[in-house]
Amino acid sequence: MKKRYSINDVAKLFSITTNKLRFYEKKGLLAYQRDASSNYRYYHNEDIKKIQIILTYRVLGFSISDIKDILAKDDKESHLDHFYNHWKAINDKIDKLQLLRNSMEGLIDSMYSSDESNSCELLIQSITNLNELTKTKDSWIDRWDFNSWAKNYDKSVYHGKGVLNMYQHYEEILEKVFTLSTKNLNSDGWVLDLGVGTGNLAQKYLNADYHVYGIDQSREMLNVAKNKFPSLKVRLGEFMKIPFADNSFDAIVSTYSFHHLNQYEKSIAIVEMLRVLKDSGVIVMGDLMFENEQSRQKLFANLTGKQIEFINDEYYSDIEWLANEFKRHNKSLEYIRIDLLNYIITVT
């Protein structure tokens, strides 16, 4: 005969109130049976396990509706969907709190060094800047639909040169980024691959036994990368919202990703990259770029209207501007040209 637990037994077992159990019953998360003679609720071992699961998800911050859906669809993909969504919500919240903390610190410093007459102006300016920054971080969208491209991405870059032959030196760029980023990297160094895609660059660090994390805003890209390289640690994230603590990485690398940010977004991303990079760390990025505006216009003079339209659909970096932007943060930039549009920059 199965062991029975009364509602008081269960409440005592988990150090919760009986009302909480009744609440879960009312929301459809938990069922119970009644004793035929006493009409009291009772639960079996299977119910105890289910209650433990419910309480665990509640500690993790999942909503009642999410838990109900997880319990109804007990499969890996459903769980991953909910966990990824919850992870993103948590990361967004942390990011906003970090912005708020930085804003408050700036205000406190300003108030100490200024008189009372302009304190209101400082407050208004701080709020304006905070709102603009938050709006920019929250409004980035994937206009290129990388989720749909994920399964065919490797075929595109390895077997197709792309418009203007942009992928003709794809493997060479990956290898150079790896070599430059590991030049002074200790064997136990931590590497962050931003815009990891299907994991082709990250694989090189795995093969060399470095600690590497890959982040991407595309769930499907992460799925492909994880299937190809099971030992690769992946996280959902973006350039402007990197889900790691300050000073976490010895090297930050990226290929064919940075050009999806406009110039203001690049400025935000640079601050975010430097936040998670150790003081002695290095940033190496291989991407589609121009040396400056003059070189951009010189190239455009030899392109067709369709080719120019294709380039203008992205945000190819201006290396001269990037160098000045990193200089503002006491960092220096060097670059090498690979072909017509591909460059590799190293920031130290």
Protein backbone atom coordinates (compact mmCIF):
# COMPACT_ATOMS: atom_id res chain seq x y z
CA MET A 1 0.00 0.00 0.00
CA LYS A 2 1.30 3.44 -0.96
CA LYS A 3 2.29 5.74 1.86
CA ARG A 4 -0.08 8.62 2.39
CA TYR A 5 0.80 12.14 3.46
CA SER A 6 -1.73 14.56 4.91
CA ILE A 7 -1.65 18.22 3.90
CA ASN A 8 -0.13 19.02 7.30
CA ASP A 9 2.55 16.35 6.78
CA VAL A 10 3.51 17.88 3.43
CA ALA A 11 3.50 21.42 4.76
CA LYS A 12 5.80 20.40 7.60
CA LEU A 13 8.05 18.41 5.26
CA PHE A 14 8.72 21.44 3.02
CA SER A 15 8.38 24.13 5.71
CA ILE A 16 5.51 25.84 3.88
CA THR A 17 1.95 26.69 4.78
CA THR A 18 -1.04 24.54 3.94
CA ASN A 19 -2.49 27.58 2.16
CA LYS A 20 0.40 27.49 -0.29
CA LEU A 21 -0.45 23.89 -1.19
CA ARG A 22 -4.09 24.84 -1.62
CA PHE A 23 -2.98 27.71 -3.86
CA TYR A 24 -1.02 25.34 -6.11
CA GLU A 25 -4.06 23.07 -6.26
CA LYS A 26 -6.29 26.00 -7.22
CA LYS A 27 -3.89 26.98 -10.03
CA GLY A 28 -3.93 23.44 -11.43
CA LEU A 29 -0.33 22.59 -10.57
CA LEU A 30 -1.16 19.98 -8.00
CA ALA A 31 -3.87 17.39 -7.58
CA TYR A 32 -4.90 15.54 -4.43
CA GLN A 33 -7.11 12.71 -3.34
CA ARG A 34 -9.53 12.51 -0.41
CA ASP A 35 -9.92 9.83 2.18
CA ALA A 36 -13.28 8.15 1.73
CA SER A 37 -14.05 8.10 5.46
CA SER A 38 -12.54 11.37 6.74
CA ASN A 39 -12.71 13.38 3.51
CA TYR A 40 -9.21 14.73 4.30
CA ARG A 41 -6.70 15.48 1.51
CA TYR A 42 -3.81 13.10 1.11
CA TYR A 43 -0.80 12.82 -1.18
CA HIS A 44 1.47 10.01 -2.42
CA ASN A 45 5.23 9.90 -3.12
CA GLU A 46 4.63 10.98 -6.73
CA ASP A 47 2.88 14.11 -5.41
CA ILE A 48 5.78 14.81 -3.05
CA LYS A 49 8.21 14.74 -5.98
CA LYS A 50 5.97 17.06 -7.96
CA ILE A 51 5.71 19.51 -5.06
CA GLN A 52 9.50 19.52 -4.78
CA ILE A 53 9.75 20.38 -8.49
CA ILE A 54 7.17 23.17 -8.16
CA LEU A 55 8.95 24.68 -5.16
CA THR A 56 12.31 24.49 -6.96
CA TYR A 57 10.95 26.35 -9.97
CA ARG A 58 9.40 28.96 -7.67
CA VAL A 59 12.77 29.52 -5.97
CA LEU A 60 14.25 30.07 -9.44
CA GLY A 61 11.60 32.72 -10.05
CA PHE A 62 9.40 30.94 -12.59
CA SER A 63 5.80 32.09 -12.85
CA ILE A 64 2.87 29.80 -12.09
CA SER A 65 1.89 29.74 -15.78
CA ASP A 66 5.45 28.77 -16.81
CA ILE A 67 5.58 25.97 -14.25
CA LYS A 68 2.19 24.71 -15.38
CA ASP A 69 3.39 24.60 -18.98
CA ILE A 70 6.66 22.87 -18.04
CA LEU A 71 4.81 20.19 -16.11
CA ALA A 72 2.36 19.71 -18.97
CA LYS A 73 5.13 19.42 -21.61
CA ASP A 74 7.76 17.35 -19.89
CA ASP A 75 10.42 17.36 -22.62
CA LYS A 76 13.89 18.87 -23.06
CA GLU A 77 12.99 21.43 -25.73
CA SER A 78 10.10 22.81 -23.71
CA HIS A 79 12.29 23.09 -20.64
CA LEU A 80 15.02 24.84 -22.65
CA ASP A 81 12.50 27.32 -24.05
CA HIS A 82 11.34 28.30 -20.59
CA PHE A 83 14.83 28.38 -19.13
CA TYR A 84 16.19 30.53 -21.95
CA ASN A 85 13.29 32.97 -21.65
CA HIS A 86 13.71 33.14 -17.90
CA TRP A 87 17.49 33.53 -18.26
CA LYS A 88 16.98 36.47 -20.65
CA ALA A 89 14.55 38.15 -18.26
CA ILE A 90 17.03 37.79 -15.39
CA ASN A 91 19.93 39.08 -17.48
CA ASP A 92 17.87 42.07 -18.64
CA LYS A 93 17.02 42.87 -15.04
CA ILE A 94 20.66 42.61 -13.95
CA ASP A 95 21.71 44.84 -16.83
CA LYS A 96 19.17 47.49 -15.87
CA LEU A 97 20.28 47.38 -12.25
CA GLN A 98 23.91 47.81 -13.34
CA LEU A 99 22.94 50.83 -15.43
CA LEU A 100 20.98 52.27 -12.53
CA ARG A 101 23.88 51.70 -10.13
CA ASN A 102 26.33 53.40 -12.49
CA SER A 103 23.94 56.30 -12.96
CA MET A 104 23.54 56.73 -9.21
CA GLU A 105 27.30 56.60 -8.67
CA GLY A 106 27.80 59.28 -11.31
CA LEU A 107 25.16 61.47 -9.69
CA ILE A 108 26.70 61.08 -6.24
CA ASP A 109 30.15 62.03 -7.58
CA SER A 110 28.71 65.01 -9.46
CA MET A 111 26.78 66.26 -6.45
CA TYR A 112 29.92 66.22 -4.32
CA SER A 113 31.81 68.29 -6.87
CA SER A 114 29.08 70.80 -7.82
CA ASP A 115 26.88 73.33 -6.09
CA GLU A 116 23.19 72.94 -5.29
CA SER A 117 22.06 75.29 -8.05
CA ASN A 118 22.59 72.75 -10.80
CA SER A 119 21.70 69.55 -8.93
CA CYS A 120 18.29 69.43 -10.63
CA GLU A 121 19.90 69.75 -14.07
CA LEU A 122 22.31 66.95 -13.23
CA LEU A 123 19.44 64.71 -12.19
CA ILE A 124 17.45 65.42 -15.35
CA GLN A 125 20.48 64.83 -17.58
CA SER A 126 21.27 61.57 -15.79
CA ILE A 127 17.71 60.30 -16.23
CA THR A 128 17.73 61.32 -19.91
CA ASN A 129 21.01 59.49 -20.54
CA LEU A 130 19.80 56.42 -18.64
CA ASN A 131 16.54 56.28 -20.60
CA GLU A 132 18.34 56.63 -23.93
CA LEU A 133 20.85 53.93 -23.05
CA THR A 134 18.18 51.53 -21.80
CA LYS A 135 16.01 52.12 -24.86
CA THR A 136 18.92 51.41 -27.20
CA LYS A 137 19.88 48.22 -25.40
CA ASP A 138 16.30 46.96 -25.38
CA SER A 139 15.42 47.90 -28.95
CA TRP A 140 18.04 45.91 -30.89
CA ILE A 141 16.37 43.33 -33.12
CA ASP A 142 17.72 40.63 -35.41
CA ARG A 143 16.78 42.02 -38.83
CA TRP A 144 18.73 39.23 -40.53
CA ASP A 145 16.82 36.27 -39.02
CA PHE A 146 19.81 34.23 -37.84
CA ASN A 147 17.51 31.59 -36.38
CA SER A 148 16.46 30.64 -39.91
CA TRP A 149 20.05 30.77 -41.17
CA ALA A 150 21.53 28.63 -38.41
CA LYS A 151 21.21 25.20 -40.03
CA ASN A 152 22.72 26.37 -43.32
CA TYR A 153 25.27 28.83 -41.92
CA ASP A 154 28.29 26.54 -42.20
CA LYS A 155 27.44 25.68 -45.78
CA SER A 156 27.17 29.39 -46.60
CA VAL A 157 30.54 30.41 -45.16
CA TYR A 158 32.58 27.33 -46.07
CA HIS A 159 31.21 26.59 -49.53
CA GLY A 160 29.93 29.97 -50.69
CA LYS A 161 32.00 33.13 -50.99
CA GLY A 162 29.03 35.43 -50.41
CA VAL A 163 28.38 38.85 -51.92
CA LEU A 164 31.68 40.61 -52.75
CA ASN A 165 33.52 37.39 -51.81
CA MET A 166 33.24 38.28 -48.13
CA TYR A 167 33.74 34.65 -47.00
CA GLN A 168 36.59 33.71 -49.33
CA HIS A 169 39.09 33.90 -46.43
CA TYR A 170 36.74 32.72 -43.71
CA GLU A 171 38.97 29.97 -42.29
CA GLU A 172 42.07 32.16 -42.52
CA ILE A 173 40.31 34.87 -40.50
CA LEU A 174 39.29 32.39 -37.81
CA GLU A 175 42.84 31.10 -37.57
CA LYS A 176 44.38 34.58 -37.36
CA VAL A 177 41.90 35.69 -34.69
CA PHE A 178 42.77 32.57 -32.69
CA THR A 179 46.53 33.12 -33.09
CA LEU A 180 46.43 36.82 -32.19
CA SER A 181 44.18 36.30 -29.18
CA THR A 182 46.29 33.47 -27.72
CA LYS A 183 49.67 35.10 -28.30
CA ASN A 184 50.04 36.02 -24.62
CA LEU A 185 47.22 33.93 -23.21
CA ASN A 186 47.96 31.59 -20.31
CA SER A 187 47.00 27.96 -20.70
CA ASP A 188 44.21 28.41 -18.16
CA GLY A 189 42.92 31.60 -19.80
CA TRP A 190 39.23 32.36 -20.15
CA VAL A 191 37.91 33.32 -23.59
CA LEU A 192 34.56 34.84 -24.57
CA ASP A 193 33.37 34.34 -28.15
CA LEU A 194 30.81 37.08 -28.86
CA GLY A 195 28.37 36.09 -31.57
CA VAL A 196 29.57 32.50 -31.38
CA GLY A 197 27.23 31.41 -34.18
CA THR A 198 27.71 27.73 -34.95
CA GLY A 199 30.93 27.54 -32.91
CA ASN A 200 33.57 27.44 -35.66
CA LEU A 201 35.88 29.93 -33.92
CA ALA A 202 35.16 28.58 -30.44
CA GLN A 203 36.20 25.10 -31.60
CA LYS A 204 39.79 26.29 -31.95
CA TYR A 205 39.94 27.28 -28.28
CA LEU A 206 38.30 24.01 -27.22
CA ASN A 207 40.88 22.06 -29.20
CA ALA A 208 43.65 23.99 -27.45
CA ASP A 209 42.09 23.30 -24.01
CA TYR A 210 41.23 26.92 -23.20
CA HIS A 211 38.16 27.77 -21.16
CA VAL A 212 35.70 29.26 -23.62
CA TYR A 213 32.16 30.58 -23.42
CA GLY A 214 30.11 31.40 -26.49
CA ILE A 215 27.21 33.82 -26.45
CA ASP A 216 24.74 34.60 -29.20
CA GLN A 217 21.36 36.25 -29.48
CA SER A 218 20.12 33.42 -31.72
CA ARG A 219 18.75 30.35 -29.96
CA GLU A 220 19.06 28.25 -33.09
CA MET A 221 22.70 29.22 -33.57
CA LEU A 222 23.39 28.13 -30.00
CA ASN A 223 21.59 24.84 -30.61
CA VAL A 224 23.73 24.11 -33.68
CA ALA A 225 26.94 25.07 -31.84
CA LYS A 226 26.05 22.89 -28.86
CA ASN A 227 25.19 19.92 -31.07
CA LYS A 228 28.50 20.25 -32.92
CA PHE A 229 30.59 20.82 -29.80
CA PRO A 230 28.90 19.35 -26.70
CA SER A 231 31.64 20.59 -24.36
CA LEU A 232 31.18 24.21 -25.45
CA LYS A 233 29.48 26.34 -22.81
CA VAL A 234 26.90 28.61 -24.42
CA ARG A 235 24.79 31.47 -23.15
CA LEU A 236 22.04 33.58 -24.64
CA GLY A 237 23.29 37.15 -24.85
CA GLU A 238 24.18 40.20 -26.94
CA PHE A 239 27.07 42.60 -27.40
CA MET A 240 25.24 45.26 -25.41
CA LYS A 241 24.12 42.87 -22.66
CA ILE A 242 26.95 40.47 -21.88
CA PRO A 243 25.72 38.04 -19.19
CA PHE A 244 28.93 37.88 -17.15
CA ALA A 245 30.45 39.70 -14.20
CA ASP A 246 33.13 42.39 -14.39
CA ASN A 247 36.70 41.30 -15.21
CA SER A 248 35.72 37.76 -16.18
CA PHE A 249 37.77 37.15 -19.35
CA ASP A 250 41.38 37.22 -20.50
CA ALA A 251 40.36 37.47 -24.15
CA ILE A 252 37.24 38.50 -26.07
CA VAL A 253 36.97 37.39 -29.69
CA SER A 254 34.39 37.79 -32.41
CA THR A 255 34.02 37.21 -36.14
CA TYR A 256 31.38 38.48 -38.58
CA SER A 257 29.17 39.87 -35.79
CA PHE A 258 30.13 43.43 -34.84
CA HIS A 259 28.79 44.86 -38.11
CA HIS A 260 25.24 44.18 -36.94
CA LEU A 261 25.48 47.15 -34.54
CA ASN A 262 25.17 50.77 -35.58
CA GLN A 263 27.75 53.27 -34.35
CA TYR A 264 25.96 54.24 -31.14
CA GLU A 265 25.33 50.57 -30.36
CA LYS A 266 29.01 49.87 -30.99
CA SER A 267 29.92 52.51 -28.40
CA ILE A 268 27.70 50.76 -25.85
CA ALA A 269 29.12 47.36 -26.81
CA ILE A 270 32.70 48.60 -26.35
CA VAL A 271 31.93 49.71 -22.81
CA GLU A 272 30.26 46.38 -22.13
CA MET A 273 33.18 44.37 -23.54
CA LEU A 274 35.69 46.32 -21.48
CA ARG A 275 33.53 45.77 -18.40
CA VAL A 276 33.88 41.97 -18.60
CA LEU A 277 37.48 42.03 -19.87
CA LYS A 278 40.35 41.84 -17.41
CA ASP A 279 42.64 44.91 -17.33
CA SER A 280 45.42 42.99 -19.07
CA GLY A 281 43.03 41.30 -21.50
CA VAL A 282 42.86 41.49 -25.28
CA ILE A 283 40.00 41.96 -27.77
CA VAL A 284 40.41 40.49 -31.26
CA MET A 285 37.70 40.83 -33.89
CA GLY A 286 37.60 39.78 -37.52
CA ASP A 287 34.88 41.56 -39.41
CA LEU A 288 33.74 43.61 -42.38
CA MET A 289 35.22 47.09 -42.04
CA PHE A 290 36.65 50.18 -43.72
CA GLU A 291 39.79 51.96 -42.65
CA ASN A 292 37.93 55.29 -42.66
CA GLU A 293 35.24 57.20 -44.51
CA GLN A 294 37.60 58.07 -47.36
CA SER A 295 38.40 54.42 -48.04
CA ARG A 296 34.68 53.63 -47.91
CA GLN A 297 33.87 56.21 -50.58
CA LYS A 298 36.83 55.13 -52.70
CA LEU A 299 35.55 51.55 -52.69
CA PHE A 300 31.97 52.63 -53.43
CA ALA A 301 33.19 54.40 -56.58
CA ASN A 302 34.02 50.97 -58.04
CA LEU A 303 30.87 49.10 -56.95
CA THR A 304 27.46 48.67 -58.50
CA GLY A 305 24.38 50.22 -56.93
CA LYS A 306 23.22 46.79 -55.79
CA GLN A 307 26.56 46.08 -54.10
CA ILE A 308 26.49 49.45 -52.32
CA GLU A 309 22.92 48.77 -51.20
CA PHE A 310 24.02 45.41 -49.79
CA ILE A 311 26.83 47.02 -47.76
CA ASN A 312 24.59 49.81 -46.51
CA ASP A 313 22.15 47.25 -45.14
CA GLU A 314 24.79 46.49 -42.49
CA TYR A 315 26.94 48.68 -40.25
CA TYR A 316 30.52 47.99 -41.34
CA SER A 317 32.91 49.51 -38.84
CA ASP A 318 35.09 52.55 -39.45
CA ILE A 319 38.46 51.48 -38.01
CA GLU A 320 39.59 55.06 -37.51
CA TRP A 321 36.48 55.75 -35.46
CA LEU A 322 36.94 52.49 -33.50
CA ALA A 323 40.53 53.42 -32.65
CA ASN A 324 39.40 56.78 -31.27
CA GLU A 325 36.57 55.16 -29.35
CA PHE A 326 38.87 52.64 -27.68
CA LYS A 327 41.40 55.41 -27.04
CA ARG A 328 38.76 57.14 -24.90
CA HIS A 329 39.00 54.08 -22.64
CA ASN A 330 42.83 54.08 -22.63
CA LYS A 331 43.04 51.20 -25.08
CA SER A 332 45.09 51.01 -28.27
CA LEU A 333 44.01 49.39 -31.54
CA GLU A 334 46.04 47.73 -34.27
CA TYR A 335 44.66 46.21 -37.45
CA ILE A 336 45.56 44.08 -40.43
CA ARG A 337 43.75 43.89 -43.74
CA ILE A 338 42.78 40.47 -45.06
CA ASP A 339 41.00 41.40 -48.30
CA LEU A 340 38.69 44.00 -49.81
CA LEU A 341 36.34 44.20 -46.82
CA ASN A 342 37.73 41.95 -44.11
CA TYR A 343 39.99 43.27 -41.39
CA ILE A 344 41.17 42.02 -38.02
CA ILE A 345 41.55 44.44 -35.14
CA THR A 346 43.47 43.79 -31.93
CA VAL A 347 42.74 45.94 -28.88
CA THR A 348 45.02 46.01 -25.84
